[in-house]
Protein backbone atom coordinates (compact mmCIF):
# COMPACT_ATOMS: atom_id res chain seq x y z
CA MET A 1 220.40 159.31 -9.36
CA VAL A 2 217.11 158.74 -8.53
CA ASP A 3 214.92 159.27 -5.99
CA LEU A 4 212.24 157.08 -4.22
CA LEU A 5 209.26 158.06 -2.32
CA LEU A 6 206.86 155.74 -0.63
CA LEU A 7 203.90 158.08 -0.41
CA GLY A 8 201.30 155.52 1.02
CA CYS A 9 201.85 152.07 2.03
CA GLY A 10 198.05 151.38 3.13
CA GLY A 11 195.40 149.03 1.33
CA GLY A 12 192.13 148.65 1.36
CA MET A 13 191.29 151.60 3.24
CA PRO A 14 192.85 154.77 4.26
CA MET A 15 193.85 154.71 8.44
CA PRO A 16 194.94 157.44 10.66
CA ASN A 17 198.85 156.65 10.10
CA ARG A 18 198.67 155.18 6.46
CA PHE A 19 197.64 156.69 3.41
CA LEU A 20 196.95 154.48 0.22
CA SER A 21 198.87 153.06 -2.24
CA SER A 22 201.50 155.71 -4.10
CA THR A 23 204.73 155.89 -5.01
CA LEU A 24 207.13 158.15 -6.25
CA LEU A 25 210.14 158.50 -8.24
CA SER A 26 212.02 161.84 -9.30
CA TYR A 27 214.97 161.91 -11.68
CA LYS A 28 216.64 164.80 -13.38
CA GLY A 29 213.71 166.98 -11.81
CA ARG A 30 211.00 165.24 -13.43
CA LYS A 31 208.49 162.88 -11.78
CA ILE A 32 207.21 159.45 -12.49
CA LEU A 33 203.82 158.34 -10.06
CA ILE A 34 202.89 154.91 -9.68
CA ASP A 35 199.56 154.30 -8.21
CA CYS A 36 197.41 157.39 -6.96
CA GLY A 37 195.18 155.84 -3.69
CA GLU A 38 193.30 158.22 -1.06
CA GLY A 39 196.02 160.87 0.43
CA THR A 40 198.47 160.74 -2.39
CA GLN A 41 198.11 164.96 -2.89
CA VAL A 42 198.15 165.15 1.01
CA SER A 43 201.59 162.94 1.18
CA MET A 44 203.09 164.75 -1.52
CA LYS A 45 201.97 167.88 0.26
CA ILE A 46 203.88 166.98 3.32
CA SER A 47 206.91 166.17 1.87
CA ASN A 48 207.08 169.39 -0.33
CA THR A 49 207.36 167.20 -4.07
CA GLY A 50 205.22 169.63 -6.06
CA PHE A 51 203.01 168.39 -8.53
CA LYS A 52 203.81 170.25 -12.01
CA ASN A 53 206.73 167.78 -12.73
CA ILE A 54 204.83 164.42 -12.70
CA ASP A 55 204.89 163.51 -16.35
CA VAL A 56 203.95 159.65 -15.91
CA ILE A 57 201.15 158.20 -13.93
CA CYS A 58 201.35 154.62 -13.79
CA ILE A 59 198.55 152.47 -12.60
CA THR A 60 198.92 148.80 -11.42
CA HIS A 61 194.58 148.11 -11.24
CA ILE A 62 191.70 149.67 -11.16
CA HIS A 63 190.78 149.20 -7.37
CA GLY A 64 189.72 152.03 -5.66
CA ASP A 65 192.47 152.11 -3.08
CA HIS A 66 194.68 152.45 -6.04
CA ILE A 67 193.35 155.28 -8.14
CA VAL A 68 190.94 156.90 -6.42
CA GLY A 69 193.15 160.10 -6.34
CA LEU A 70 193.58 160.71 -9.10
CA PRO A 71 190.66 163.24 -10.23
CA GLY A 72 192.03 165.44 -7.60
CA LEU A 73 195.67 164.68 -8.50
CA LEU A 74 194.88 165.66 -12.29
CA ALA A 75 193.12 168.79 -11.20
CA THR A 76 196.11 169.85 -8.67
CA ILE A 77 198.29 169.17 -11.60
CA GLY A 78 196.60 171.77 -13.54
CA ASN A 79 196.59 174.25 -11.16
CA SER A 80 200.28 174.02 -10.74
CA GLY A 81 200.66 175.91 -14.24
CA ARG A 82 201.53 172.32 -16.00
CA ILE A 83 200.76 173.01 -20.07
CA GLU A 84 203.39 169.86 -21.20
CA PRO A 85 201.13 166.33 -22.01
CA LEU A 86 201.14 164.16 -19.44
CA THR A 87 200.79 160.30 -20.05
CA ILE A 88 199.14 157.37 -18.03
CA ILE A 89 199.78 153.76 -18.19
CA GLY A 90 197.25 151.40 -17.00
CA PRO A 91 196.18 147.67 -17.52
CA GLU A 92 192.85 146.74 -19.63
CA GLY A 93 190.02 149.48 -19.30
CA ILE A 94 191.84 152.52 -18.07
CA GLU A 95 191.14 154.18 -20.39
CA ASP A 96 187.28 154.29 -19.80
CA THR A 97 188.03 154.25 -15.97
CA VAL A 98 190.02 157.91 -16.67
CA ASN A 99 187.42 159.06 -18.56
CA LYS A 100 185.17 158.46 -16.02
CA LEU A 101 187.31 160.06 -13.28
CA ARG A 102 187.49 162.87 -15.42
CA VAL A 103 183.62 163.68 -14.85
CA ILE A 104 185.04 165.97 -12.11
CA ALA A 105 187.92 167.03 -13.33
CA SER A 106 186.52 167.68 -17.26
CA TRP A 107 189.10 170.59 -18.13
CA LEU A 108 192.64 170.42 -17.64
CA PRO A 109 195.15 172.88 -19.41
CA TYR A 110 197.08 169.98 -20.27
CA GLU A 111 196.62 166.97 -22.75
CA ILE A 112 196.26 163.44 -21.52
CA ASN A 113 197.90 160.37 -23.48
CA ILE A 114 196.90 157.18 -22.16
CA ILE A 115 198.37 153.75 -22.75
CA GLU A 116 196.32 150.81 -22.23
CA ASN A 117 198.07 147.38 -21.36
CA PRO A 118 201.24 147.90 -22.83
CA LYS A 119 203.11 144.81 -23.98
CA GLU A 120 206.68 146.19 -24.82
CA THR A 121 209.16 148.03 -23.58
CA PHE A 122 209.39 151.49 -24.07
CA GLU A 123 210.07 155.00 -23.37
CA ILE A 124 207.77 158.16 -22.67
CA LYS A 125 209.63 160.75 -25.52
CA ASN A 126 207.66 163.79 -27.17
CA GLU A 127 208.98 167.31 -27.73
CA PHE A 128 208.56 168.23 -24.30
CA ILE A 129 209.53 165.31 -22.61
CA ASP A 130 212.66 162.77 -22.72
CA LEU A 131 213.11 161.18 -19.55
CA GLY A 132 215.76 158.77 -20.42
CA VAL A 133 213.51 155.58 -18.55
CA GLU A 134 212.81 152.60 -20.09
CA ILE A 135 209.49 151.35 -18.78
CA SER A 136 208.39 147.59 -18.92
CA THR A 137 205.14 145.75 -17.49
CA LEU A 138 204.35 142.50 -16.59
CA GLU A 139 200.63 140.81 -15.97
CA LEU A 140 199.84 140.01 -12.66
CA GLU A 141 197.45 137.83 -10.79
CA HIS A 142 194.95 139.69 -8.73
CA SER A 143 190.87 139.85 -8.85
CA SER A 144 191.24 142.57 -11.53
CA PRO A 145 193.57 142.95 -14.17
CA CYS A 146 196.62 144.16 -12.90
CA ILE A 147 200.52 144.86 -14.08
CA GLY A 148 203.76 145.53 -12.62
CA TYR A 149 206.21 147.97 -13.56
CA SER A 150 210.06 147.97 -14.07
CA PHE A 151 211.48 151.45 -14.78
CA TYR A 152 215.06 151.47 -15.99
CA PHE A 153 217.19 154.86 -15.57
CA LYS A 154 219.71 154.60 -18.42
CA ARG A 155 223.28 155.88 -17.56
CA ALA A 156 225.10 157.77 -20.63
CA PRO A 157 228.24 156.17 -21.12
CA GLU A 158 231.44 157.80 -19.89
CA PHE A 159 233.25 160.45 -21.77
CA ASP A 160 236.26 158.53 -23.37
CA PRO A 161 238.94 161.28 -24.62
CA LYS A 162 241.24 158.87 -26.21
CA LYS A 163 238.60 157.72 -28.35
CA ALA A 164 237.57 161.32 -29.45
CA ILE A 165 241.10 161.77 -30.09
CA THR A 166 241.66 159.05 -31.93
CA ASN A 167 238.13 159.54 -34.31
CA ASN A 168 240.10 163.07 -34.81
CA VAL A 169 237.00 164.94 -33.35
CA PRO A 170 237.32 168.56 -32.91
CA LYS A 171 237.34 169.66 -29.18
CA ALA A 172 234.86 172.10 -29.67
CA LEU A 173 232.39 169.35 -30.06
CA TRP A 174 233.57 167.09 -27.36
CA SER A 175 230.94 168.55 -25.00
CA LYS A 176 227.63 168.90 -27.22
CA LEU A 177 228.32 164.96 -27.93
CA GLN A 178 228.64 164.41 -24.49
CA LYS A 179 225.70 165.75 -23.17
CA GLY A 180 223.59 164.47 -25.89
CA GLN A 181 223.62 165.73 -29.34
CA GLU A 182 223.64 162.43 -31.75
CA ASN A 183 225.27 163.72 -34.71
CA ILE A 184 227.15 167.34 -35.46
CA VAL A 185 228.30 168.37 -38.86
CA HIS A 186 231.00 170.14 -38.79
CA ASP A 187 233.35 171.46 -41.85
CA GLY A 188 231.63 168.79 -44.16
CA ILE A 189 232.10 165.55 -41.52
CA LYS A 190 229.81 164.15 -39.42
CA TYR A 191 230.36 163.51 -36.21
CA THR A 192 228.23 160.97 -33.84
CA ARG A 193 227.81 160.53 -29.81
CA ASP A 194 229.94 156.97 -30.42
CA MET A 195 233.38 158.57 -31.22
CA VAL A 196 233.39 160.25 -27.88
CA LEU A 197 231.82 157.81 -25.54
CA GLY A 198 233.00 154.21 -24.16
CA GLU A 199 231.72 151.35 -22.69
CA GLU A 200 227.64 151.38 -21.65
CA ARG A 201 227.39 151.62 -17.96
CA ARG A 202 224.87 150.40 -15.54
CA GLY A 203 221.61 152.16 -14.91
CA ILE A 204 219.15 152.03 -12.13
CA LYS A 205 216.11 149.68 -12.05
CA VAL A 206 213.26 149.58 -9.96
CA SER A 207 210.73 147.37 -9.89
CA ILE A 208 206.80 147.00 -8.44
CA THR A 209 204.47 144.26 -8.08
CA THR A 210 200.98 145.01 -6.30
CA ASP A 211 198.70 143.67 -6.07
CA THR A 212 198.80 140.08 -6.95
CA ARG A 213 200.05 136.31 -6.05
CA PRO A 214 203.34 135.16 -6.46
CA LEU A 215 203.98 134.19 -10.31
CA ASP A 216 207.04 132.03 -11.90
CA SER A 217 207.57 135.01 -13.90
CA ILE A 218 208.24 137.60 -11.43
CA PRO A 219 211.83 136.90 -10.24
CA GLU A 220 212.94 137.33 -14.12
CA PHE A 221 210.93 140.73 -14.21
CA ILE A 222 212.59 142.04 -11.22
CA LYS A 223 216.13 140.35 -11.85
CA ASP A 224 218.88 143.00 -10.15
CA SER A 225 216.60 145.23 -9.08
CA ASP A 226 218.43 148.22 -6.99
CA TYR A 227 214.65 148.20 -5.37
CA PHE A 228 212.00 145.88 -5.50
CA ILE A 229 208.93 147.35 -4.12
CA CYS A 230 206.57 144.42 -3.23
CA GLU A 231 203.15 144.37 -1.60
CA GLY A 232 203.08 142.26 1.68
CA THR A 233 199.36 142.68 2.67
CA TYR A 234 199.85 139.76 4.98
CA GLY A 235 202.56 139.62 7.64
CA GLU A 236 202.21 136.17 9.58
CA ASP A 237 202.46 132.89 7.55
CA GLU A 238 199.42 131.80 9.17
CA ASP A 239 197.37 133.96 6.92
CA LEU A 240 198.50 132.40 3.86
CA PRO A 241 194.97 131.10 3.22
CA LYS A 242 193.79 134.83 3.13
CA ALA A 243 196.46 135.68 0.48
CA ILE A 244 195.40 132.84 -1.56
CA LYS A 245 191.84 134.02 -1.77
CA ASN A 246 192.09 137.53 -2.06
CA LYS A 247 195.26 137.22 -4.50
CA HIS A 248 197.67 138.99 -2.21
CA MET A 249 200.86 137.75 -0.76
CA THR A 250 202.84 137.48 2.67
CA PHE A 251 205.70 139.08 3.90
CA LYS A 252 207.67 135.58 3.13
CA GLU A 253 206.23 135.31 -0.41
CA ALA A 254 207.69 138.56 -1.04
CA ALA A 255 210.83 137.91 0.30
CA THR A 256 210.79 134.42 -1.46
CA LEU A 257 210.46 136.88 -4.91
CA ALA A 258 213.20 138.62 -3.82
CA SER A 259 215.69 136.32 -3.67
CA LYS A 260 215.09 134.45 -6.62
CA GLY A 261 215.46 137.72 -8.46
CA LYS A 262 218.64 138.34 -6.93
CA VAL A 263 217.78 142.13 -6.32
CA SER A 264 219.71 144.10 -4.05
CA ASN A 265 216.55 145.60 -1.72
CA LEU A 266 213.26 144.54 -0.92
CA LEU A 267 210.86 147.44 0.17
CA LEU A 268 207.59 145.88 1.70
CA THR A 269 204.45 147.77 1.21
CA HIS A 270 200.38 147.60 1.00
CA PHE A 271 199.84 146.52 4.41
CA SER A 272 196.20 145.35 5.30
CA THR A 273 194.07 147.52 7.56
CA ALA A 274 194.37 144.24 10.18
CA MET A 275 198.01 144.61 10.31
CA ASP A 276 198.74 147.78 13.16
CA GLU A 277 202.65 147.37 12.93
CA PRO A 278 203.87 145.84 10.20
CA THR A 279 207.66 145.85 11.49
CA ASP A 280 206.41 143.06 14.20
CA TYR A 281 206.29 140.59 10.97
CA ILE A 282 209.59 141.75 9.89
CA ASP A 283 211.41 138.62 10.53
CA ASN A 284 209.15 136.55 8.23
CA ALA A 285 210.54 138.08 5.36
CA LYS A 286 214.38 138.74 7.02
CA MET A 287 214.91 135.03 7.16
CA VAL A 288 214.64 134.86 3.65
CA PHE A 289 215.72 137.74 2.11
CA GLU A 290 217.98 139.93 4.83
CA ASN A 291 217.86 143.25 2.76
CA THR A 292 214.30 143.65 3.66
CA ILE A 293 212.80 147.32 4.49
CA VAL A 294 208.90 147.66 5.83
CA GLY A 295 207.80 150.67 4.19
CA PHE A 296 205.86 153.75 6.00
CA ASP A 297 204.57 156.67 4.53
CA ARG A 298 207.01 158.92 3.49
CA TYR A 299 209.81 156.59 3.41
CA SER A 300 212.49 157.91 1.09
CA VAL A 301 215.87 156.58 -0.15
CA GLU A 302 218.24 158.53 -2.92
CA LEU A 303 219.43 155.49 -5.09
CA LYS A 304 223.16 156.70 -7.04
CA PHE A 305 224.55 155.38 -9.76
CA GLN A 306 227.38 152.90 -9.29
């Protein structure tokens, strides 16, 4: 299962009741952080998430409300005792920006690997980490280079004892192959995982787009997501001219994308400082997409494999 935690749902500047953009995904005891605005560490501390097991930090774009919290967080991760490498992913310019931000976090007990503007689906794998998560990105339309993220948490096929018996796999090897060993040579015979596993099973998909205007490419990118986290900077339809000018979205536009993408749930975030009560505008989204949730700091949900 995947734990989704919305650490901050504000845009522009932090508010007394709203930290800035940040989302945490936890899976198999490891963590992926998307964006790191001001207040991220505080919200994590309130939620008692811990810091040591953050393996990947994904930055959507290089605006202060999405990245200013990064140098402090990197230092805290180091103080937590982490020594394994950490990966930072981001749009064009992310490597230069991270290096400059690290002026105040210059010494860290772990290595940082930076992936700038990735174009293809990939996984984070090394001698320390294998999350079993496919990460895809999409170029968005904002006032600076910006990318959306989609995370697919793969589910292992179900063990098939009949298949194992048919393939004459010794029972002593069943558990090892089921739990992840790709190949085992026993008594001179090679046994593989596919000899004991059944059909592929659907995993869990979480997608996020912020900050951006709606694009024709987004529905396909987010298609069949269990959770689609989308910016809703403006609640009212009357604010559409502002959304167009500032390259953001209204609630209704986000809901339209969710409907076209056939997602299960839409989670709105990145609310304008002028929006005191985002829930006042939820009907503008629900009239288009019923399964809409207006996010709030530390909103959490547990996503289970079907």
